[in-house]
Amino acid sequence: MGYQLKDVCYSTETMAQDAYAQSMQPAFVVNDSTSVFFYPEKVSGAWCMGAHSLSTGGLTQCPDINFPAFSTCTDHSDPTAQFIAGTELGAAVAGAIIVAFLWRFLRVRF
């Protein structure tokens, strides 16, 4: 059993959480008097949302990130299964093109 994030299946929940946190974009929040830079950060093995005040230069408390509930992996989320299905479709299309070419070539010659 694995944990699914978008179309990728991860073997452990920690790997799924790492991928989710690393995909988060940093953000700037600018108010009238302060400017704060938020970014995901891993502290002591746990992900949190770090904040750095650009106006005062201080670091603030690092609240935990709320991760989504990861669903369990299915055959549709397996990248290998998708690759194999694409390969089968590509082989079928290539075969149809070759048959059509041979049909036309043999029809013109004979």
Protein backbone atom coordinates (compact mmCIF):
# COMPACT_ATOMS: atom_id res chain seq x y z
CA MET A 1 0.00 0.00 0.00
CA GLY A 2 1.28 3.45 -0.83
CA TYR A 3 0.26 7.07 -0.58
CA GLN A 4 -0.85 9.00 -3.64
CA LEU A 5 0.00 12.65 -4.32
CA LYS A 6 -1.29 13.84 -7.69
CA ASP A 7 -0.31 11.03 -10.12
CA VAL A 8 2.63 9.69 -8.13
CA CYS A 9 2.53 6.84 -5.63
CA TYR A 10 4.93 7.06 -2.64
CA SER A 11 5.78 4.03 -0.52
CA THR A 12 5.63 5.89 2.83
CA GLU A 13 3.57 8.77 4.16
CA THR A 14 6.78 10.63 5.07
CA MET A 15 7.89 10.56 1.42
CA ALA A 16 4.46 11.89 0.33
CA GLN A 17 4.65 14.67 2.94
CA ASP A 18 8.17 15.59 1.80
CA ALA A 19 7.03 15.80 -1.83
CA TYR A 20 4.00 17.91 -0.87
CA ALA A 21 6.01 20.34 1.28
CA GLN A 22 8.76 20.68 -1.33
CA SER A 23 6.18 21.53 -3.99
CA MET A 24 4.86 24.48 -1.94
CA GLN A 25 5.90 27.87 -3.24
CA PRO A 26 7.38 30.53 -0.94
CA ALA A 27 5.21 33.61 -0.48
CA PHE A 28 5.71 37.28 0.32
CA VAL A 29 3.06 39.10 2.35
CA VAL A 30 3.44 42.86 2.25
CA ASN A 31 1.44 45.07 4.61
CA ASP A 32 1.72 48.81 5.25
CA SER A 33 4.41 48.42 7.91
CA THR A 34 5.75 44.88 7.56
CA SER A 35 6.93 42.48 4.89
CA VAL A 36 7.02 38.78 5.72
CA PHE A 37 8.52 35.92 3.71
CA PHE A 38 6.88 32.48 4.28
CA TYR A 39 8.57 29.26 3.21
CA PRO A 40 8.29 25.52 3.98
CA GLU A 41 11.02 24.30 6.32
CA LYS A 42 11.87 20.94 7.89
CA VAL A 43 12.76 21.31 11.58
CA SER A 44 13.67 18.25 13.66
CA GLY A 45 12.10 15.91 11.10
CA ALA A 46 8.76 17.76 10.91
CA TRP A 47 7.63 20.21 8.24
CA CYS A 48 6.50 23.67 9.26
CA MET A 49 5.85 27.02 7.60
CA GLY A 50 8.81 29.27 8.42
CA ALA A 51 8.37 33.02 8.46
CA HIS A 52 11.03 35.72 8.23
CA SER A 53 10.17 39.38 8.76
CA LEU A 54 12.01 41.48 6.21
CA SER A 55 11.29 44.74 8.01
CA THR A 56 12.58 43.70 11.46
CA GLY A 57 14.88 40.87 10.39
CA GLY A 58 13.41 38.49 12.96
CA LEU A 59 12.30 34.90 12.61
CA THR A 60 8.88 34.01 13.91
CA GLN A 61 7.31 30.83 15.23
CA CYS A 62 7.18 27.89 12.83
CA PRO A 63 3.60 26.46 12.76
CA ASP A 64 3.07 22.94 11.43
CA ILE A 65 1.88 22.45 7.86
CA ASN A 66 -1.57 20.92 7.50
CA PHE A 67 -1.08 18.08 5.04
CA PRO A 68 -3.98 16.80 2.96
CA ALA A 69 -5.30 13.31 3.54
CA PHE A 70 -3.34 11.18 1.09
CA SER A 71 -5.39 8.54 -0.67
CA THR A 72 -4.12 5.01 -1.11
CA CYS A 73 -2.54 4.11 -4.43
CA THR A 74 -4.52 2.41 -7.16
CA ASP A 75 -3.49 0.93 -10.50
CA HIS A 76 -4.40 4.23 -12.18
CA SER A 77 -1.86 6.15 -10.07
CA ASP A 78 1.02 3.81 -10.88
CA PRO A 79 3.35 5.57 -13.36
CA THR A 80 4.61 2.22 -14.65
CA ALA A 81 1.09 1.09 -15.55
CA GLN A 82 0.51 4.38 -17.38
CA PHE A 83 3.77 3.93 -19.31
CA ILE A 84 2.87 0.37 -20.31
CA ALA A 85 -0.59 1.48 -21.45
CA GLY A 86 0.98 4.26 -23.53
CA THR A 87 3.47 1.83 -25.04
CA GLU A 88 0.66 -0.55 -26.02
CA LEU A 89 -1.31 2.28 -27.62
CA GLY A 90 1.80 3.50 -29.48
CA ALA A 91 2.50 -0.01 -30.77
CA ALA A 92 -1.09 -0.34 -32.01
CA VAL A 93 -0.94 3.01 -33.84
CA ALA A 94 2.47 2.17 -35.35
CA GLY A 95 1.12 -1.21 -36.49
CA ALA A 96 -1.90 0.42 -38.12
CA ILE A 97 0.36 2.88 -39.96
CA ILE A 98 2.60 0.06 -41.23
CA VAL A 99 -0.41 -1.99 -42.42
CA ALA A 100 -1.86 1.06 -44.20
CA PHE A 101 1.49 1.79 -45.87
CA LEU A 102 1.93 -1.83 -47.00
CA TRP A 103 -1.66 -1.95 -48.28
CA ARG A 104 -1.11 1.13 -50.40
CA PHE A 105 2.36 -0.01 -51.56
CA LEU A 106 1.13 -3.47 -52.57
CA ARG A 107 -1.99 -2.05 -54.22
CA VAL A 108 0.08 0.27 -56.43
CA ARG A 109 2.61 -2.45 -57.38
CA PHE A 110 0.16 -5.22 -58.26
